[in-house]
PDB file of N, CA and C in Angstrom:
ATOM      1  N   UNK A   1      74.824  93.630 100.766  1.00  0.00           N
ATOM      2  CA  UNK A   1      76.603  92.681 101.002  1.00  0.00           C
ATOM      3  C   UNK A   1      77.393  93.331 101.725  1.00  0.00           C
ATOM      4  N   UNK A   2      77.544  92.777 102.094  1.00  0.00           N
ATOM      5  CA  UNK A   2      78.946  93.027 103.625  1.00  0.00           C
ATOM      6  C   UNK A   2      80.095  92.919 103.160  1.00  0.00           C
ATOM      7  N   UNK A   3      81.135  93.837 104.005  1.00  0.00           N
ATOM      8  CA  UNK A   3      82.428  93.994 104.071  1.00  0.00           C
ATOM      9  C   UNK A   3      82.696  94.030 104.614  1.00  0.00           C
ATOM     10  N   UNK A   4      84.479  93.637 105.121  1.00  0.00           N
ATOM     11  CA  UNK A   4      85.905  93.542 106.251  1.00  0.00           C
ATOM     12  C   UNK A   4      85.806  94.909 106.673  1.00  0.00           C
ATOM     13  N   UNK A   5      86.436  95.993 107.281  1.00  0.00           N
ATOM     14  CA  UNK A   5      87.008  96.813 107.962  1.00  0.00           C
ATOM     15  C   UNK A   5      88.261  96.240 109.084  1.00  0.00           C
ATOM     16  N   UNK A   6      89.196  96.973 109.002  1.00  0.00           N
ATOM     17  CA  UNK A   6      89.998  96.690 109.102  1.00  0.00           C
ATOM     18  C   UNK A   6      91.184  97.753 110.518  1.00  0.00           C
ATOM     19  N   UNK A   7      90.965  98.041 111.432  1.00  0.00           N
ATOM     20  CA  UNK A   7      91.967  99.037 112.153  1.00  0.00           C
ATOM     21  C   UNK A   7      92.122  98.438 113.583  1.00  0.00           C
ATOM     22  N   UNK A   8      93.416  99.881 114.085  1.00  0.00           N
ATOM     23  CA  UNK A   8      93.427  99.321 114.928  1.00  0.00           C
ATOM     24  C   UNK A   8      92.957 100.029 116.193  1.00  0.00           C
ATOM     25  N   UNK A   9      93.135  99.614 117.144  1.00  0.00           N
ATOM     26  CA  UNK A   9      92.774 100.909 118.655  1.00  0.00           C
ATOM     27  C   UNK A   9      93.573 100.159 120.018  1.00  0.00           C
ATOM     28  N   UNK A  10      93.285 100.839 120.600  1.00  0.00           N
ATOM     29  CA  UNK A  10      94.525 100.615 121.961  1.00  0.00           C
ATOM     30  C   UNK A  10      93.992  99.445 122.803  1.00  0.00           C
ATOM     31  N   UNK A  11      94.848  99.255 123.622  1.00  0.00           N
ATOM     32  CA  UNK A  11      93.997  97.927 124.722  1.00  0.00           C
ATOM     33  C   UNK A  11      93.201  98.342 125.278  1.00  0.00           C
ATOM     34  N   UNK A  12      93.895  99.601 125.902  1.00  0.00           N
ATOM     35  CA  UNK A  12      92.530 100.205 126.769  1.00  0.00           C
ATOM     36  C   UNK A  12      91.153  99.966 125.720  1.00  0.00           C
ATOM     37  N   UNK A  13      91.006 100.530 124.895  1.00  0.00           N
ATOM     38  CA  UNK A  13      89.859 100.796 124.248  1.00  0.00           C
ATOM     39  C   UNK A  13      89.241  99.473 123.985  1.00  0.00           C
ATOM     40  N   UNK A  14      90.070  98.952 123.952  1.00  0.00           N
ATOM     41  CA  UNK A  14      89.950  96.723 123.473  1.00  0.00           C
ATOM     42  C   UNK A  14      89.277  96.359 124.814  1.00  0.00           C
ATOM     43  N   UNK A  15      89.714  96.568 125.724  1.00  0.00           N
ATOM     44  CA  UNK A  15      89.397  96.484 126.517  1.00  0.00           C
ATOM     45  C   UNK A  15      87.532  96.948 127.079  1.00  0.00           C
ATOM     46  N   UNK A  16      87.735  97.862 127.269  1.00  0.00           N
ATOM     47  CA  UNK A  16      86.332  98.621 127.236  1.00  0.00           C
ATOM     48  C   UNK A  16      85.561  97.643 126.603  1.00  0.00           C
ATOM     49  N   UNK A  17      85.693  98.017 124.882  1.00  0.00           N
ATOM     50  CA  UNK A  17      84.647  97.410 124.388  1.00  0.00           C
ATOM     51  C   UNK A  17      84.955  95.411 124.621  1.00  0.00           C
ATOM     52  N   UNK A  18      85.339  94.918 125.038  1.00  0.00           N
ATOM     53  CA  UNK A  18      85.327  93.566 125.846  1.00  0.00           C
ATOM     54  C   UNK A  18      83.908  93.161 126.704  1.00  0.00           C
ATOM     55  N   UNK A  19      84.712  95.099 127.701  1.00  0.00           N
ATOM     56  CA  UNK A  19      83.357  94.468 128.772  1.00  0.00           C
ATOM     57  C   UNK A  19      82.111  94.742 128.782  1.00  0.00           C
ATOM     58  N   UNK A  20      81.750  95.833 127.401  1.00  0.00           N
ATOM     59  CA  UNK A  20      80.675  96.316 126.705  1.00  0.00           C
ATOM     60  C   UNK A  20      79.994  94.830 125.766  1.00  0.00           C
ATOM     61  N   UNK A  21      80.684  94.402 125.676  1.00  0.00           N
ATOM     62  CA  UNK A  21      80.281  92.771 124.745  1.00  0.00           C
ATOM     63  C   UNK A  21      80.083  91.682 125.347  1.00  0.00           C
ATOM     64  N   UNK A  22      80.727  91.628 126.322  1.00  0.00           N
ATOM     65  CA  UNK A  22      80.238  90.954 127.795  1.00  0.00           C
ATOM     66  C   UNK A  22      78.814  91.018 128.521  1.00  0.00           C
ATOM     67  N   UNK A  23      78.795  92.029 128.263  1.00  0.00           N
ATOM     68  CA  UNK A  23      77.352  93.111 129.487  1.00  0.00           C
ATOM     69  C   UNK A  23      76.845  92.502 128.323  1.00  0.00           C
ATOM     70  N   UNK A  24      76.705  92.437 127.065  1.00  0.00           N
ATOM     71  CA  UNK A  24      75.684  92.460 125.563  1.00  0.00           C
ATOM     72  C   UNK A  24      75.505  90.679 125.628  1.00  0.00           C
ATOM     73  N   UNK A  25      76.484  89.922 125.863  1.00  0.00           N
ATOM     74  CA  UNK A  25      76.674  88.720 125.899  1.00  0.00           C
ATOM     75  C   UNK A  25      77.132  88.069 123.747  1.00  0.00           C
ATOM     76  N   UNK A  26      77.050  89.169 123.356  1.00  0.00           N
ATOM     77  CA  UNK A  26      77.943  89.990 122.324  1.00  0.00           C
ATOM     78  C   UNK A  26      79.912  89.958 122.090  1.00  0.00           C
ATOM     79  N   UNK A  27      79.790  89.439 120.687  1.00  0.00           N
ATOM     80  CA  UNK A  27      80.856  89.405 120.613  1.00  0.00           C
ATOM     81  C   UNK A  27      81.287  90.892 120.010  1.00  0.00           C
ATOM     82  N   UNK A  28      82.938  91.296 119.935  1.00  0.00           N
ATOM     83  CA  UNK A  28      82.636  92.558 120.151  1.00  0.00           C
ATOM     84  C   UNK A  28      82.772  93.625 118.826  1.00  0.00           C
ATOM     85  N   UNK A  29      82.714  92.420 117.613  1.00  0.00           N
ATOM     86  CA  UNK A  29      82.663  93.318 116.409  1.00  0.00           C
ATOM     87  C   UNK A  29      80.707  92.997 116.726  1.00  0.00           C
ATOM     88  N   UNK A  30      80.832  92.478 116.644  1.00  0.00           N
ATOM     89  CA  UNK A  30      78.481  92.977 117.156  1.00  0.00           C
ATOM     90  C   UNK A  30      78.784  94.220 117.075  1.00  0.00           C
ATOM     91  N   UNK A  31      78.574  94.273 118.467  1.00  0.00           N
ATOM     92  CA  UNK A  31      79.249  95.724 119.465  1.00  0.00           C
ATOM     93  C   UNK A  31      79.585  96.779 118.336  1.00  0.00           C
ATOM     94  N   UNK A  32      80.626  97.009 117.467  1.00  0.00           N
ATOM     95  CA  UNK A  32      81.224  97.816 117.081  1.00  0.00           C
ATOM     96  C   UNK A  32      80.291  98.358 116.371  1.00  0.00           C
ATOM     97  N   UNK A  33      79.733  96.616 115.175  1.00  0.00           N
ATOM     98  CA  UNK A  33      78.650  97.631 114.371  1.00  0.00           C
ATOM     99  C   UNK A  33      77.448  97.658 114.915  1.00  0.00           C
ATOM    100  N   UNK A  34      77.241  97.637 116.052  1.00  0.00           N
ATOM    101  CA  UNK A  34      76.203  99.014 116.650  1.00  0.00           C
ATOM    102  C   UNK A  34      76.126 100.573 116.813  1.00  0.00           C
ATOM    103  N   UNK A  35      77.560  99.879 117.447  1.00  0.00           N
ATOM    104  CA  UNK A  35      77.895 101.668 117.486  1.00  0.00           C
ATOM    105  C   UNK A  35      77.742 102.748 116.313  1.00  0.00           C
ATOM    106  N   UNK A  36      78.469 101.473 115.122  1.00  0.00           N
ATOM    107  CA  UNK A  36      78.995 102.527 113.827  1.00  0.00           C
ATOM    108  C   UNK A  36      77.402 102.881 113.313  1.00  0.00           C
ATOM    109  N   UNK A  37      76.839 101.492 113.725  1.00  0.00           N
ATOM    110  CA  UNK A  37      75.063 101.821 113.131  1.00  0.00           C
ATOM    111  C   UNK A  37      74.483 102.932 113.901  1.00  0.00           C
ATOM    112  N   UNK A  38      74.441 102.945 115.022  1.00  0.00           N
ATOM    113  CA  UNK A  38      73.560 104.084 116.210  1.00  0.00           C
ATOM    114  C   UNK A  38      74.409 105.484 115.373  1.00  0.00           C
ATOM    115  N   UNK A  39      75.957 105.412 115.467  1.00  0.00           N
ATOM    116  CA  UNK A  39      76.507 106.508 114.654  1.00  0.00           C
ATOM    117  C   UNK A  39      76.121 107.242 113.378  1.00  0.00           C
ATOM    118  N   UNK A  40      75.993 105.975 112.455  1.00  0.00           N
ATOM    119  CA  UNK A  40      75.836 107.128 111.138  1.00  0.00           C
ATOM    120  C   UNK A  40      74.207 106.373 110.982  1.00  0.00           C
ATOM    121  N   UNK A  41      73.189 106.255 112.028  1.00  0.00           N
ATOM    122  CA  UNK A  41      71.826 106.963 112.364  1.00  0.00           C
ATOM    123  C   UNK A  41      71.218 108.320 113.076  1.00  0.00           C
ATOM    124  N   UNK A  42      72.699 108.512 113.952  1.00  0.00           N
ATOM    125  CA  UNK A  42      72.372 110.209 114.572  1.00  0.00           C
ATOM    126  C   UNK A  42      73.092 110.742 113.355  1.00  0.00           C
ATOM    127  N   UNK A  43      73.873 111.126 112.332  1.00  0.00           N
ATOM    128  CA  UNK A  43      74.083 111.163 111.619  1.00  0.00           C
ATOM    129  C   UNK A  43      73.525 111.682 110.168  1.00  0.00           C
ATOM    130  N   UNK A  44      72.282 110.957 109.949  1.00  0.00           N
ATOM    131  CA  UNK A  44      71.223 110.854 109.413  1.00  0.00           C
ATOM    132  C   UNK A  44      71.792 110.091 108.252  1.00  0.00           C
ATOM    133  N   UNK A  45      72.512 109.419 108.306  1.00  0.00           N
ATOM    134  CA  UNK A  45      72.929 108.612 107.045  1.00  0.00           C
ATOM    135  C   UNK A  45      72.313 107.782 105.817  1.00  0.00           C
ATOM    136  N   UNK A  46      71.525 108.239 105.376  1.00  0.00           N
ATOM    137  CA  UNK A  46      70.386 107.342 105.306  1.00  0.00           C
ATOM    138  C   UNK A  46      70.974 105.875 103.972  1.00  0.00           C
ATOM    139  N   UNK A  47      70.635 104.497 103.811  1.00  0.00           N
ATOM    140  CA  UNK A  47      70.605 104.131 102.753  1.00  0.00           C
ATOM    141  C   UNK A  47      69.899 104.375 101.678  1.00  0.00           C
ATOM    142  N   UNK A  48      69.342 105.143 102.013  1.00  0.00           N
ATOM    143  CA  UNK A  48      68.591 105.568 100.116  1.00  0.00           C
ATOM    144  C   UNK A  48      69.390 106.820  99.678  1.00  0.00           C
ATOM    145  N   UNK A  49      70.362 107.113 100.759  1.00  0.00           N
ATOM    146  CA  UNK A  49      70.875 107.615  99.408  1.00  0.00           C
ATOM    147  C   UNK A  49      71.685 107.760  98.361  1.00  0.00           C
ATOM    148  N   UNK A  50      72.392 108.289  97.450  1.00  0.00           N
ATOM    149  CA  UNK A  50      73.034 107.620  96.188  1.00  0.00           C
ATOM    150  C   UNK A  50      74.587 107.552  96.865  1.00  0.00           C
ATOM    151  N   UNK A  51      74.277 105.692  95.632  1.00  0.00           N
ATOM    152  CA  UNK A  51      76.038 105.550  96.305  1.00  0.00           C
ATOM    153  C   UNK A  51      77.307 106.452  96.208  1.00  0.00           C
ATOM    154  N   UNK A  52      78.257 106.411  96.807  1.00  0.00           N
ATOM    155  CA  UNK A  52      79.425 107.078  97.196  1.00  0.00           C
ATOM    156  C   UNK A  52      79.974 106.819  96.180  1.00  0.00           C
ATOM    157  N   UNK A  53      80.914 107.540  95.025  1.00  0.00           N
ATOM    158  CA  UNK A  53      81.775 107.112  94.024  1.00  0.00           C
ATOM    159  C   UNK A  53      83.414 105.994  94.917  1.00  0.00           C
ATOM    160  N   UNK A  54      83.715 105.344  94.595  1.00  0.00           N
ATOM    161  CA  UNK A  54      84.525 104.697  95.130  1.00  0.00           C
ATOM    162  C   UNK A  54      85.749 105.027  95.652  1.00  0.00           C
ATOM    163  N   UNK A  55      86.106 106.321  95.209  1.00  0.00           N
ATOM    164  CA  UNK A  55      87.183 107.269  95.607  1.00  0.00           C
ATOM    165  C   UNK A  55      86.667 108.146  96.351  1.00  0.00           C
ATOM    166  N   UNK A  56      85.434 108.116  96.961  1.00  0.00           N
ATOM    167  CA  UNK A  56      85.175 109.021  97.641  1.00  0.00           C
ATOM    168  C   UNK A  56      84.411 107.936  99.241  1.00  0.00           C
ATOM    169  N   UNK A  57      84.938 109.117 100.393  1.00  0.00           N
ATOM    170  CA  UNK A  57      85.255 108.260 101.511  1.00  0.00           C
ATOM    171  C   UNK A  57      85.480 109.671 102.906  1.00  0.00           C
ATOM    172  N   UNK A  58      84.713 108.616 103.833  1.00  0.00           N
ATOM    173  CA  UNK A  58      84.527 109.966 105.107  1.00  0.00           C
ATOM    174  C   UNK A  58      85.735 109.474 106.275  1.00  0.00           C
ATOM    175  N   UNK A  59      86.639 110.070 106.783  1.00  0.00           N
ATOM    176  CA  UNK A  59      87.569 108.882 108.266  1.00  0.00           C
ATOM    177  C   UNK A  59      86.179 109.542 109.061  1.00  0.00           C
ATOM    178  N   UNK A  60      85.795 108.228 109.586  1.00  0.00           N
ATOM    179  CA  UNK A  60      85.437 108.383 111.413  1.00  0.00           C
ATOM    180  C   UNK A  60      85.875 108.508 112.311  1.00  0.00           C
ATOM    181  N   UNK A  61      86.358 109.422 113.471  1.00  0.00           N
ATOM    182  CA  UNK A  61      87.159 108.860 114.681  1.00  0.00           C
ATOM    183  C   UNK A  61      86.180 108.549 115.600  1.00  0.00           C
ATOM    184  N   UNK A  62      86.325 107.532 116.304  1.00  0.00           N
ATOM    185  CA  UNK A  62      85.002 106.949 117.720  1.00  0.00           C
ATOM    186  C   UNK A  62      85.456 107.252 118.608  1.00  0.00           C
ATOM    187  N   UNK A  63      85.823 108.725 119.911  1.00  0.00           N
ATOM    188  CA  UNK A  63      86.000 107.899 120.683  1.00  0.00           C
ATOM    189  C   UNK A  63      85.595 106.957 122.220  1.00  0.00           C
ATOM    190  N   UNK A  64      86.219 105.739 122.171  1.00  0.00           N
ATOM    191  CA  UNK A  64      85.851 105.149 123.055  1.00  0.00           C
ATOM    192  C   UNK A  64      85.710 105.183 124.953  1.00  0.00           C
ATOM    193  N   UNK A  65      86.648 106.884 124.479  1.00  0.00           N
ATOM    194  CA  UNK A  65      85.931 106.738 126.070  1.00  0.00           C
ATOM    195  C   UNK A  65      84.729 107.459 125.936  1.00  0.00           C
ATOM    196  N   UNK A  66      83.764 107.389 124.826  1.00  0.00           N
ATOM    197  CA  UNK A  66      82.714 108.140 125.203  1.00  0.00           C
ATOM    198  C   UNK A  66      81.429 106.566 125.765  1.00  0.00           C
ATOM    199  N   UNK A  67      81.980 105.765 124.944  1.00  0.00           N
ATOM    200  CA  UNK A  67      80.863 104.382 125.556  1.00  0.00           C
ATOM    201  C   UNK A  67      81.734 103.790 126.651  1.00  0.00           C
TER     202      UNK A  67
END
């Protein structure tokens, strides 16, 4: 099941994402999904792990200057 996540970023970060998206001929949302998927894979989060309780969460900060 897909869900929506809303968050705020700086104008500078958005511009960097736009450049990445244009280079890949993709939408910013597609680029962000790829970044998040890669981050989760790199940190060994697998879909096979038990589902988090609805009250459990983790805050993930991505430094867009690294991309």
